[in-house]
Amino acid sequence: MSDQPYQPTLAQLRAFVAVARSRHFGTAATSLGVSQPSLSQALASLEAGLGVQLVERSTRKVLITEAGMALLEQASVIVASAAELVSSAAGLTGELRGTLRLGMIPTVAPYRLPRLLPQLRAEVDDLAVTVVEDQTARLLEALRSGRIDVAVLALPVHSSSVAEIPLYDEEFVLVVPPGHPLAGRDDLTADDLSGLPLLLLDEGHCLRDQALDLCRQAEEGVGVMGDTRAASLATIVQCVSGGLGVTLLPEPAVAVELRGTDLATARFAAPAPGRRIGLAYRASSAKTEGFARLAEIARAAAGSAV
């Protein structure tokens, strides 16, 4: 018998972390690109080697044991560190290749990904892209911990550990019910928002904060509808259709979200209020050249640049 202490393999730790995150063996296996029996065997070997049960299995659901919860963070850090090692090694060539874990905020992803992903496939060989859609704070946390490589979000992020590459600017457009007094105008100012029942995304979405900044410029208060809570622009637009108020959308979302509705829009006089979208990545990353290439492709896909 060997006197060497048990050393878990990365495959075993990846299996545990994937199951803990998805709470489903099939989903976890798919995310890792392995068969479900292989995943189950890796997890069972890890439990046997550690001498503790990490997961409770049943026909209906997967539960993480107390021991599993106690070890999950350490396992996640090890898996993320290994991924960062591979990512850094690829980055040493200065190329955009290997695996790219791309984060995007929800008010950008649905409107930019349909053109960005095909553009990446056309221009970059040997690049496997995974997408994580989440709010800004959680994307930055995932970025710092190594769970994603780069994020597309609103700038600035105000973090010394995060580097930024500006991509493009997006103007805000006011969406109103048909027949609204502001419908069709193209000379709005912040003061025109005064007294309007403005519908905003729920707490945590950066677009909410950006809209509130614009509202603060109005001479009179804007009637932000605090009782309406929505996690997506699609829901907000449906609330406008239902007569609950008006809302602000970034320009790229207008055509998508208003398709099939009779809602009207109004635009602001120049310089129109809006936001700057950019790439954020760890300042310590070795893939700076690759991210610069990604920025070029993202600008081309968006058809604009700053």
C-alpha atoms as a PDB file:
ATOM      1  CA  MET A   1       0.000   0.000   0.000  1.00  0.00           C
ATOM      2  CA  SER A   2       1.294   3.425  -0.945  1.00  0.00           C
ATOM      3  CA  ASP A   3       2.047   5.918   1.816  1.00  0.00           C
ATOM      4  CA  GLN A   4       1.397   8.813  -0.563  1.00  0.00           C
ATOM      5  CA  PRO A   5      -1.656  10.917   0.372  1.00  0.00           C
ATOM      6  CA  TYR A   6      -4.589  10.894  -1.999  1.00  0.00           C
ATOM      7  CA  GLN A   7      -4.365  13.469  -4.799  1.00  0.00           C
ATOM      8  CA  PRO A   8      -7.606  14.237  -6.640  1.00  0.00           C
ATOM      9  CA  THR A   9      -7.395  14.650 -10.396  1.00  0.00           C
ATOM     10  CA  LEU A  10      -8.628  17.722 -12.246  1.00  0.00           C
ATOM     11  CA  ALA A  11     -11.216  15.556 -14.001  1.00  0.00           C
ATOM     12  CA  GLN A  12     -12.625  14.528 -10.624  1.00  0.00           C
ATOM     13  CA  LEU A  13     -12.720  18.096  -9.329  1.00  0.00           C
ATOM     14  CA  ARG A  14     -14.297  19.355 -12.551  1.00  0.00           C
ATOM     15  CA  ALA A  15     -16.988  16.701 -12.222  1.00  0.00           C
ATOM     16  CA  PHE A  16     -17.779  17.760  -8.663  1.00  0.00           C
ATOM     17  CA  VAL A  17     -17.872  21.478  -9.462  1.00  0.00           C
ATOM     18  CA  ALA A  18     -20.030  20.944 -12.558  1.00  0.00           C
ATOM     19  CA  VAL A  19     -22.557  18.808 -10.669  1.00  0.00           C
ATOM     20  CA  ALA A  20     -22.637  21.266  -7.766  1.00  0.00           C
ATOM     21  CA  ARG A  21     -23.323  24.188 -10.107  1.00  0.00           C
ATOM     22  CA  SER A  22     -25.968  22.536 -12.278  1.00  0.00           C
ATOM     23  CA  ARG A  23     -27.481  20.171  -9.679  1.00  0.00           C
ATOM     24  CA  HIS A  24     -28.029  17.762 -12.573  1.00  0.00           C
ATOM     25  CA  PHE A  25     -25.748  14.959 -13.777  1.00  0.00           C
ATOM     26  CA  GLY A  26     -26.852  15.135 -17.412  1.00  0.00           C
ATOM     27  CA  THR A  27     -26.367  18.897 -17.627  1.00  0.00           C
ATOM     28  CA  ALA A  28     -22.997  18.666 -15.889  1.00  0.00           C
ATOM     29  CA  ALA A  29     -21.802  15.927 -18.235  1.00  0.00           C
ATOM     30  CA  THR A  30     -22.839  17.951 -21.286  1.00  0.00           C
ATOM     31  CA  SER A  31     -21.051  21.057 -19.997  1.00  0.00           C
ATOM     32  CA  LEU A  32     -17.825  19.067 -19.623  1.00  0.00           C
ATOM     33  CA  GLY A  33     -18.186  17.170 -22.888  1.00  0.00           C
ATOM     34  CA  VAL A  34     -18.098  13.741 -21.202  1.00  0.00           C
ATOM     35  CA  SER A  35     -20.562  10.893 -20.850  1.00  0.00           C
ATOM     36  CA  GLN A  36     -22.772  10.741 -17.786  1.00  0.00           C
ATOM     37  CA  PRO A  37     -21.282   7.386 -16.628  1.00  0.00           C
ATOM     38  CA  SER A  38     -17.774   8.875 -16.866  1.00  0.00           C
ATOM     39  CA  LEU A  39     -18.868  11.886 -14.839  1.00  0.00           C
ATOM     40  CA  SER A  40     -20.495   9.691 -12.185  1.00  0.00           C
ATOM     41  CA  GLN A  41     -17.384   7.511 -11.962  1.00  0.00           C
ATOM     42  CA  ALA A  42     -15.115  10.548 -11.561  1.00  0.00           C
ATOM     43  CA  LEU A  43     -17.285  11.929  -8.771  1.00  0.00           C
ATOM     44  CA  ALA A  44     -17.501   8.573  -7.018  1.00  0.00           C
ATOM     45  CA  SER A  45     -13.696   8.218  -7.181  1.00  0.00           C
ATOM     46  CA  LEU A  46     -13.295  11.671  -5.666  1.00  0.00           C
ATOM     47  CA  GLU A  47     -15.661  10.828  -2.812  1.00  0.00           C
ATOM     48  CA  ALA A  48     -13.844   7.543  -2.194  1.00  0.00           C
ATOM     49  CA  GLY A  49     -10.447   9.215  -2.200  1.00  0.00           C
ATOM     50  CA  LEU A  50     -11.537  12.014   0.149  1.00  0.00           C
ATOM     51  CA  GLY A  51     -13.504   9.669   2.367  1.00  0.00           C
ATOM     52  CA  VAL A  52     -16.609  11.904   2.404  1.00  0.00           C
ATOM     53  CA  GLN A  53     -19.912  12.023   0.540  1.00  0.00           C
ATOM     54  CA  LEU A  54     -20.124  15.170  -1.548  1.00  0.00           C
ATOM     55  CA  VAL A  55     -23.419  14.659  -3.337  1.00  0.00           C
ATOM     56  CA  GLU A  56     -26.725  13.022  -2.464  1.00  0.00           C
ATOM     57  CA  ARG A  57     -28.192  11.315  -5.511  1.00  0.00           C
ATOM     58  CA  SER A  58     -31.871  10.583  -6.080  1.00  0.00           C
ATOM     59  CA  THR A  59     -34.099   9.987  -9.075  1.00  0.00           C
ATOM     60  CA  ARG A  60     -35.525  13.510  -8.879  1.00  0.00           C
ATOM     61  CA  LYS A  61     -32.790  15.845  -7.727  1.00  0.00           C
ATOM     62  CA  VAL A  62     -29.168  16.268  -6.684  1.00  0.00           C
ATOM     63  CA  LEU A  63     -28.291  17.699  -3.280  1.00  0.00           C
ATOM     64  CA  ILE A  64     -24.889  18.883  -2.134  1.00  0.00           C
ATOM     65  CA  THR A  65     -23.982  17.538   1.291  1.00  0.00           C
ATOM     66  CA  GLU A  66     -22.605  19.630   4.118  1.00  0.00           C
ATOM     67  CA  ALA A  67     -19.143  18.244   3.392  1.00  0.00           C
ATOM     68  CA  GLY A  68     -19.635  19.055  -0.291  1.00  0.00           C
ATOM     69  CA  MET A  69     -20.546  22.656   0.466  1.00  0.00           C
ATOM     70  CA  ALA A  70     -17.515  22.979   2.742  1.00  0.00           C
ATOM     71  CA  LEU A  71     -15.156  21.802  -0.039  1.00  0.00           C
ATOM     72  CA  LEU A  72     -16.875  23.350  -3.064  1.00  0.00           C
ATOM     73  CA  GLU A  73     -15.145  26.725  -2.936  1.00  0.00           C
ATOM     74  CA  GLN A  74     -11.675  25.164  -2.742  1.00  0.00           C
ATOM     75  CA  ALA A  75     -12.502  22.801  -5.591  1.00  0.00           C
ATOM     76  CA  SER A  76     -13.822  25.712  -7.681  1.00  0.00           C
ATOM     77  CA  VAL A  77     -10.640  27.715  -7.101  1.00  0.00           C
ATOM     78  CA  ILE A  78      -8.460  24.779  -8.188  1.00  0.00           C
ATOM     79  CA  VAL A  79     -10.507  24.205 -11.349  1.00  0.00           C
ATOM     80  CA  ALA A  80     -10.478  27.939 -12.177  1.00  0.00           C
ATOM     81  CA  SER A  81      -6.726  28.126 -11.577  1.00  0.00           C
ATOM     82  CA  ALA A  82      -6.107  25.225 -13.934  1.00  0.00           C
ATOM     83  CA  ALA A  83      -8.255  26.879 -16.589  1.00  0.00           C
ATOM     84  CA  GLU A  84      -6.370  30.126 -16.069  1.00  0.00           C
ATOM     85  CA  LEU A  85      -3.063  28.273 -16.526  1.00  0.00           C
ATOM     86  CA  VAL A  86      -4.219  26.891 -19.871  1.00  0.00           C
ATOM     87  CA  SER A  87      -5.653  30.272 -20.875  1.00  0.00           C
ATOM     88  CA  SER A  88      -2.418  32.056 -19.952  1.00  0.00           C
ATOM     89  CA  ALA A  89      -0.351  29.525 -21.901  1.00  0.00           C
ATOM     90  CA  ALA A  90      -2.485  30.143 -24.981  1.00  0.00           C
ATOM     91  CA  GLY A  91      -2.172  33.867 -24.392  1.00  0.00           C
ATOM     92  CA  LEU A  92       1.613  33.699 -24.478  1.00  0.00           C
ATOM     93  CA  THR A  93       1.366  33.298 -28.242  1.00  0.00           C
ATOM     94  CA  GLY A  94      -0.550  36.587 -28.410  1.00  0.00           C
ATOM     95  CA  GLU A  95      -3.295  34.850 -30.375  1.00  0.00           C
ATOM     96  CA  LEU A  96      -7.022  34.527 -29.855  1.00  0.00           C
ATOM     97  CA  ARG A  97      -7.390  30.751 -29.732  1.00  0.00           C
ATOM     98  CA  GLY A  98      -8.217  27.842 -27.468  1.00  0.00           C
ATOM     99  CA  THR A  99     -11.211  28.373 -25.187  1.00  0.00           C
ATOM    100  CA  LEU A 100     -12.750  31.804 -24.715  1.00  0.00           C
ATOM    101  CA  ARG A 101     -15.128  32.168 -21.767  1.00  0.00           C
ATOM    102  CA  LEU A 102     -17.075  35.276 -22.655  1.00  0.00           C
ATOM    103  CA  GLY A 103     -19.327  37.118 -20.209  1.00  0.00           C
ATOM    104  CA  MET A 104     -22.068  39.523 -21.333  1.00  0.00           C
ATOM    105  CA  ILE A 105     -24.625  41.646 -19.549  1.00  0.00           C
ATOM    106  CA  PRO A 106     -28.277  40.780 -20.364  1.00  0.00           C
ATOM    107  CA  THR A 107     -28.940  44.138 -22.038  1.00  0.00           C
ATOM    108  CA  VAL A 108     -26.202  43.448 -24.601  1.00  0.00           C
ATOM    109  CA  ALA A 109     -26.086  39.678 -25.182  1.00  0.00           C
ATOM    110  CA  PRO A 110     -29.370  39.113 -27.105  1.00  0.00           C
ATOM    111  CA  TYR A 111     -28.680  41.986 -29.496  1.00  0.00           C
ATOM    112  CA  ARG A 112     -24.968  41.531 -30.215  1.00  0.00           C
ATOM    113  CA  LEU A 113     -24.361  37.767 -30.058  1.00  0.00           C
ATOM    114  CA  PRO A 114     -26.300  36.913 -33.275  1.00  0.00           C
ATOM    115  CA  ARG A 115     -23.677  38.778 -35.295  1.00  0.00           C
ATOM    116  CA  LEU A 116     -20.645  38.424 -33.024  1.00  0.00           C
ATOM    117  CA  LEU A 117     -20.549  34.619 -32.785  1.00  0.00           C
ATOM    118  CA  PRO A 118     -20.692  33.981 -36.567  1.00  0.00           C
ATOM    119  CA  GLN A 119     -18.053  36.687 -37.039  1.00  0.00           C
ATOM    120  CA  LEU A 120     -15.772  34.949 -34.541  1.00  0.00           C
ATOM    121  CA  ARG A 121     -16.252  31.591 -36.253  1.00  0.00           C
ATOM    122  CA  ALA A 122     -15.458  33.134 -39.634  1.00  0.00           C
ATOM    123  CA  GLU A 123     -12.339  35.006 -38.564  1.00  0.00           C
ATOM    124  CA  VAL A 124     -10.742  32.895 -35.822  1.00  0.00           C
ATOM    125  CA  ASP A 125      -9.703  29.259 -36.216  1.00  0.00           C
ATOM    126  CA  ASP A 126      -9.545  26.838 -33.282  1.00  0.00           C
ATOM    127  CA  LEU A 127     -11.573  29.009 -30.923  1.00  0.00           C
ATOM    128  CA  ALA A 128     -14.176  27.418 -28.654  1.00  0.00           C
ATOM    129  CA  VAL A 129     -16.491  30.046 -27.187  1.00  0.00           C
ATOM    130  CA  THR A 130     -18.656  29.660 -24.092  1.00  0.00           C
ATOM    131  CA  VAL A 131     -21.039  32.458 -23.101  1.00  0.00           C
ATOM    132  CA  VAL A 132     -22.072  33.508 -19.593  1.00  0.00           C
ATOM    133  CA  GLU A 133     -24.906  36.048 -19.348  1.00  0.00           C
ATOM    134  CA  ASP A 134     -25.142  37.804 -15.992  1.00  0.00           C
ATOM    135  CA  GLN A 135     -25.304  41.150 -14.251  1.00  0.00           C
ATOM    136  CA  THR A 136     -22.203  43.346 -14.088  1.00  0.00           C
ATOM    137  CA  ALA A 137     -21.254  42.692 -10.461  1.00  0.00           C
ATOM    138  CA  ARG A 138     -21.367  38.922 -10.883  1.00  0.00           C
ATOM    139  CA  LEU A 139     -19.475  39.062 -14.177  1.00  0.00           C
ATOM    140  CA  LEU A 140     -16.696  41.077 -12.546  1.00  0.00           C
ATOM    141  CA  GLU A 141     -16.532  38.586  -9.682  1.00  0.00           C
ATOM    142  CA  ALA A 142     -16.340  35.722 -12.195  1.00  0.00           C
ATOM    143  CA  LEU A 143     -13.641  37.619 -14.070  1.00  0.00           C
ATOM    144  CA  ARG A 144     -11.507  38.161 -10.966  1.00  0.00           C
ATOM    145  CA  SER A 145     -11.896  34.518  -9.875  1.00  0.00           C
ATOM    146  CA  GLY A 146     -10.922  33.188 -13.302  1.00  0.00           C
ATOM    147  CA  ARG A 147     -14.283  31.634 -14.196  1.00  0.00           C
ATOM    148  CA  ILE A 148     -14.497  33.797 -17.320  1.00  0.00           C
ATOM    149  CA  ASP A 149     -11.761  35.351 -19.460  1.00  0.00           C
ATOM    150  CA  VAL A 150     -13.371  38.560 -20.656  1.00  0.00           C
ATOM    151  CA  ALA A 151     -16.686  40.399 -20.302  1.00  0.00           C
ATOM    152  CA  VAL A 152     -18.706  42.731 -22.507  1.00  0.00           C
ATOM    153  CA  LEU A 153     -20.371  45.336 -20.307  1.00  0.00           C
ATOM    154  CA  ALA A 154     -20.910  49.044 -19.760  1.00  0.00           C
ATOM    155  CA  LEU A 155     -17.804  51.087 -19.003  1.00  0.00           C
ATOM    156  CA  PRO A 156     -16.184  52.216 -16.815  1.00  0.00           C
ATOM    157  CA  VAL A 157     -15.942  49.438 -14.219  1.00  0.00           C
ATOM    158  CA  HIS A 158     -13.790  51.419 -11.742  1.00  0.00           C
ATOM    159  CA  SER A 159     -11.434  48.583 -10.771  1.00  0.00           C
ATOM    160  CA  SER A 160      -7.637  48.729 -10.780  1.00  0.00           C
ATOM    161  CA  SER A 161      -7.453  44.960 -11.350  1.00  0.00           C
ATOM    162  CA  VAL A 162      -9.572  45.130 -14.514  1.00  0.00           C
ATOM    163  CA  ALA A 163      -8.389  46.488 -17.869  1.00  0.00           C
ATOM    164  CA  GLU A 164     -10.847  47.972 -20.382  1.00  0.00           C
ATOM    165  CA  ILE A 165     -11.101  48.278 -24.158  1.00  0.00           C
ATOM    166  CA  PRO A 166     -13.903  50.583 -25.395  1.00  0.00           C
ATOM    167  CA  LEU A 167     -15.996  49.097 -28.226  1.00  0.00           C
ATOM    168  CA  TYR A 168     -18.895  51.364 -29.179  1.00  0.00           C
ATOM    169  CA  ASP A 169     -21.475  53.792 -27.814  1.00  0.00           C
ATOM    170  CA  GLU A 170     -25.205  53.076 -27.592  1.00  0.00           C
ATOM    171  CA  GLU A 171     -27.832  55.823 -27.505  1.00  0.00           C
ATOM    172  CA  PHE A 172     -30.928  55.547 -25.335  1.00  0.00           C
ATOM    173  CA  VAL A 173     -34.356  55.570 -26.999  1.00  0.00           C
ATOM    174  CA  LEU A 174     -37.618  56.329 -25.199  1.00  0.00           C
ATOM    175  CA  VAL A 175     -40.353  53.742 -25.811  1.00  0.00           C
ATOM    176  CA  VAL A 176     -43.930  54.961 -25.364  1.00  0.00           C
ATOM    177  CA  PRO A 177     -47.465  53.687 -26.046  1.00  0.00           C
ATOM    178  CA  PRO A 178     -48.995  54.521 -29.448  1.00  0.00           C
ATOM    179  CA  GLY A 179     -50.463  58.002 -29.554  1.00  0.00           C
ATOM    180  CA  HIS A 180     -48.289  59.270 -26.716  1.00  0.00           C
ATOM    181  CA  PRO A 181     -47.537  63.023 -26.919  1.00  0.00           C
ATOM    182  CA  LEU A 182     -43.790  62.324 -27.231  1.00  0.00           C
ATOM    183  CA  ALA A 183     -44.136  59.653 -29.951  1.00  0.00           C
ATOM    184  CA  GLY A 184     -42.016  60.337 -33.001  1.00  0.00           C
ATOM    185  CA  ARG A 185     -40.026  63.223 -31.582  1.00  0.00           C
ATOM    186  CA  ASP A 186     -36.294  63.408 -32.183  1.00  0.00           C
ATOM    187  CA  ASP A 187     -35.441  66.400 -30.003  1.00  0.00           C
ATOM    188  CA  LEU A 188     -35.998  65.124 -26.481  1.00  0.00           C
ATOM    189  CA  THR A 189     -34.050  66.440 -23.501  1.00  0.00           C
ATOM    190  CA  ALA A 190     -33.815  65.051 -19.986  1.00  0.00           C
ATOM    191  CA  ASP A 191     -36.514  67.519 -18.941  1.00  0.00           C
ATOM    192  CA  ASP A 192     -39.011  65.772 -21.231  1.00  0.00           C
ATOM    193  CA  LEU A 193     -38.832  62.797 -18.869  1.00  0.00           C
ATOM    194  CA  SER A 194     -40.229  64.867 -16.014  1.00  0.00           C
ATOM    195  CA  GLY A 195     -43.414  63.378 -14.623  1.00  0.00           C
ATOM    196  CA  LEU A 196     -43.324  60.291 -16.847  1.00  0.00           C
ATOM    197  CA  PRO A 197     -44.055  56.870 -15.264  1.00  0.00           C
ATOM    198  CA  LEU A 198     -40.696  55.308 -16.130  1.00  0.00           C
ATOM    199  CA  LEU A 199     -40.341  51.512 -16.001  1.00  0.00           C
ATOM    200  CA  LEU A 200     -36.841  50.217 -15.226  1.00  0.00           C
ATOM    201  CA  LEU A 201     -35.090  46.888 -14.828  1.00  0.00           C
ATOM    202  CA  ASP A 202     -34.736  45.414 -11.358  1.00  0.00           C
ATOM    203  CA  GLU A 203     -31.877  46.235  -8.986  1.00  0.00           C
ATOM    204  CA  GLY A 204     -28.466  45.004 -10.092  1.00  0.00           C
ATOM    205  CA  HIS A 205     -28.823  45.798 -13.798  1.00  0.00           C
ATOM    206  CA  CYS A 206     -26.428  48.522 -14.890  1.00  0.00           C
ATOM    207  CA  LEU A 207     -28.973  49.857 -17.393  1.00  0.00           C
ATOM    208  CA  ARG A 208     -31.203  50.756 -14.454  1.00  0.00           C
ATOM    209  CA  ASP A 209     -28.426  52.852 -12.918  1.00  0.00           C
ATOM    210  CA  GLN A 210     -27.643  54.520 -16.251  1.00  0.00           C
ATOM    211  CA  ALA A 211     -31.328  55.406 -16.761  1.00  0.00           C
ATOM    212  CA  LEU A 212     -31.546  56.808 -13.255  1.00  0.00           C
ATOM    213  CA  ASP A 213     -28.517  59.000 -13.950  1.00  0.00           C
ATOM    214  CA  LEU A 214     -30.392  60.457 -16.904  1.00  0.00           C
ATOM    215  CA  CYS A 215     -33.528  60.955 -14.806  1.00  0.00           C
ATOM    216  CA  ARG A 216     -31.550  62.966 -12.257  1.00  0.00           C
ATOM    217  CA  GLN A 217     -30.811  65.524 -14.978  1.00  0.00           C
ATOM    218  CA  ALA A 218     -34.515  66.362 -15.313  1.00  0.00           C
ATOM    219  CA  GLU A 219     -35.627  69.598 -13.661  1.00  0.00           C
ATOM    220  CA  GLU A 220     -38.601  67.839 -12.080  1.00  0.00           C
ATOM    221  CA  GLY A 221     -38.744  64.351 -10.661  1.00  0.00           C
ATOM    222  CA  VAL A 222     -39.362  61.343 -12.884  1.00  0.00           C
ATOM    223  CA  GLY A 223     -42.002  58.948 -11.606  1.00  0.00           C
ATOM    224  CA  VAL A 224     -39.957  55.743 -11.516  1.00  0.00           C
ATOM    225  CA  MET A 225     -42.354  52.825 -11.111  1.00  0.00           C
ATOM    226  CA  GLY A 226     -40.819  51.032  -8.135  1.00  0.00           C
ATOM    227  CA  ASP A 227     -43.485  48.331  -7.753  1.00  0.00           C
ATOM    228  CA  THR A 228     -42.877  46.839 -11.194  1.00  0.00           C
ATOM    229  CA  ARG A 229     -39.962  44.395 -11.092  1.00  0.00           C
ATOM    230  CA  ALA A 230     -38.543  42.913 -14.286  1.00  0.00           C
ATOM    231  CA  ALA A 231     -35.366  41.028 -15.074  1.00  0.00           C
ATOM    232  CA  SER A 232     -35.426  41.531 -18.851  1.00  0.00           C
ATOM    233  CA  LEU A 233     -36.076  44.239 -21.393  1.00  0.00           C
ATOM    234  CA  ALA A 234     -38.654  41.967 -23.042  1.00  0.00           C
ATOM    235  CA  THR A 235     -40.764  42.053 -19.870  1.00  0.00           C
ATOM    236  CA  ILE A 236     -40.402  45.820 -19.515  1.00  0.00           C
ATOM    237  CA  VAL A 237     -41.572  46.333 -23.097  1.00  0.00           C
ATOM    238  CA  GLN A 238     -44.616  44.151 -22.474  1.00  0.00           C
ATOM    239  CA  CYS A 239     -45.420  46.300 -19.451  1.00  0.00           C
ATOM    240  CA  VAL A 240     -45.283  49.388 -21.664  1.00  0.00           C
ATOM    241  CA  SER A 241     -47.634  47.631 -24.106  1.00  0.00           C
ATOM    242  CA  GLY A 242     -49.956  46.993 -21.178  1.00  0.00           C
ATOM    243  CA  GLY A 243     -50.150  50.676 -20.377  1.00  0.00           C
ATOM    244  CA  LEU A 244     -48.044  50.619 -17.204  1.00  0.00           C
ATOM    245  CA  GLY A 245     -45.644  53.358 -18.286  1.00  0.00           C
ATOM    246  CA  VAL A 246     -42.742  54.173 -20.616  1.00  0.00           C
ATOM    247  CA  THR A 247     -39.158  52.918 -20.710  1.00  0.00           C
ATOM    248  CA  LEU A 248     -35.667  53.560 -22.037  1.00  0.00           C
ATOM    249  CA  LEU A 249     -33.961  51.050 -24.316  1.00  0.00           C
ATOM    250  CA  PRO A 250     -30.431  50.996 -25.731  1.00  0.00           C
ATOM    251  CA  GLU A 251     -30.605  51.525 -29.495  1.00  0.00           C
ATOM    252  CA  PRO A 252     -29.659  47.926 -30.516  1.00  0.00           C
ATOM    253  CA  ALA A 253     -32.585  46.537 -28.485  1.00  0.00           C
ATOM    254  CA  VAL A 254     -35.275  48.648 -30.137  1.00  0.00           C
ATOM    255  CA  ALA A 255     -35.816  46.661 -33.340  1.00  0.00           C
ATOM    256  CA  VAL A 256     -35.740  43.334 -31.505  1.00  0.00           C
ATOM    257  CA  GLU A 257     -37.960  44.184 -28.559  1.00  0.00           C
ATOM    258  CA  LEU A 258     -40.540  46.267 -30.439  1.00  0.00           C
ATOM    259  CA  ARG A 259     -41.025  43.707 -33.214  1.00  0.00           C
ATOM    260  CA  GLY A 260     -44.682  42.736 -33.354  1.00  0.00           C
ATOM    261  CA  THR A 261     -45.841  45.592 -31.095  1.00  0.00           C
ATOM    262  CA  ASP A 262     -47.531  48.902 -31.912  1.00  0.00           C
ATOM    263  CA  LEU A 263     -45.309  50.850 -29.536  1.00  0.00           C
ATOM    264  CA  ALA A 264     -43.741  54.132 -30.611  1.00  0.00           C
ATOM    265  CA  THR A 265     -40.332  55.660 -29.957  1.00  0.00           C
ATOM    266  CA  ALA A 266     -38.880  59.089 -29.305  1.00  0.00           C
ATOM    267  CA  ARG A 267     -35.234  60.053 -29.617  1.00  0.00           C
ATOM    268  CA  PHE A 268     -33.038  62.581 -27.877  1.00  0.00           C
ATOM    269  CA  ALA A 269     -31.410  65.621 -29.385  1.00  0.00           C
ATOM    270  CA  ALA A 270     -27.643  65.442 -29.926  1.00  0.00           C
ATOM    271  CA  PRO A 271     -25.614  64.707 -27.974  1.00  0.00           C
ATOM    272  CA  ALA A 272     -28.013  61.907 -27.103  1.00  0.00           C
ATOM    273  CA  PRO A 273     -27.624  60.243 -23.695  1.00  0.00           C
ATOM    274  CA  GLY A 274     -26.382  56.681 -23.740  1.00  0.00           C
ATOM    275  CA  ARG A 275     -23.649  54.383 -22.546  1.00  0.00           C
ATOM    276  CA  ARG A 276     -20.273  53.075 -23.662  1.00  0.00           C
ATOM    277  CA  ILE A 277     -19.899  49.319 -24.109  1.00  0.00           C
ATOM    278  CA  GLY A 278     -16.487  47.696 -23.871  1.00  0.00           C
ATOM    279  CA  LEU A 279     -14.408  44.656 -23.032  1.00  0.00           C
ATOM    280  CA  ALA A 280     -13.198  44.085 -19.490  1.00  0.00           C
ATOM    281  CA  TYR A 281     -10.485  41.590 -18.603  1.00  0.00           C
ATOM    282  CA  ARG A 282      -7.995  40.948 -15.819  1.00  0.00           C
ATOM    283  CA  ALA A 283      -5.172  43.465 -15.973  1.00  0.00           C
ATOM    284  CA  SER A 284      -2.773  40.613 -15.174  1.00  0.00           C
ATOM    285  CA  SER A 285      -3.907  38.498 -18.136  1.00  0.00           C
ATOM    286  CA  ALA A 286      -1.339  37.449 -20.716  1.00  0.00           C
ATOM    287  CA  LYS A 287      -3.957  37.543 -23.496  1.00  0.00           C
ATOM    288  CA  THR A 288      -3.978  41.305 -24.054  1.00  0.00           C
ATOM    289  CA  GLU A 289      -3.171  40.952 -27.753  1.00  0.00           C
ATOM    290  CA  GLY A 290      -5.915  38.379 -28.181  1.00  0.00           C
ATOM    291  CA  PHE A 291      -8.454  40.614 -26.466  1.00  0.00           C
ATOM    292  CA  ALA A 292      -7.461  43.494 -28.737  1.00  0.00           C
ATOM    293  CA  ARG A 293      -8.252  41.223 -31.688  1.00  0.00           C
ATOM    294  CA  LEU A 294     -11.574  40.300 -30.072  1.00  0.00           C
ATOM    295  CA  ALA A 295     -12.371  44.000 -29.718  1.00  0.00           C
ATOM    296  CA  GLU A 296     -11.751  44.545 -33.441  1.00  0.00           C
ATOM    297  CA  ILE A 297     -14.112  41.694 -34.313  1.00  0.00           C
ATOM    298  CA  ALA A 298     -16.767  42.917 -31.868  1.00  0.00           C
ATOM    299  CA  ARG A 299     -16.677  46.419 -33.352  1.00  0.00           C
ATOM    300  CA  ALA A 300     -16.962  45.027 -36.875  1.00  0.00           C
ATOM    301  CA  ALA A 301     -19.906  42.842 -35.846  1.00  0.00           C
ATOM    302  CA  ALA A 302     -21.618  45.832 -34.261  1.00  0.00           C
ATOM    303  CA  GLY A 303     -20.962  47.988 -37.305  1.00  0.00           C
ATOM    304  CA  SER A 304     -19.662  50.824 -35.167  1.00  0.00           C
ATOM    305  CA  ALA A 305     -16.691  51.893 -33.069  1.00  0.00           C
ATOM    306  CA  VAL A 306     -15.582  54.570 -30.639  1.00  0.00           C
END
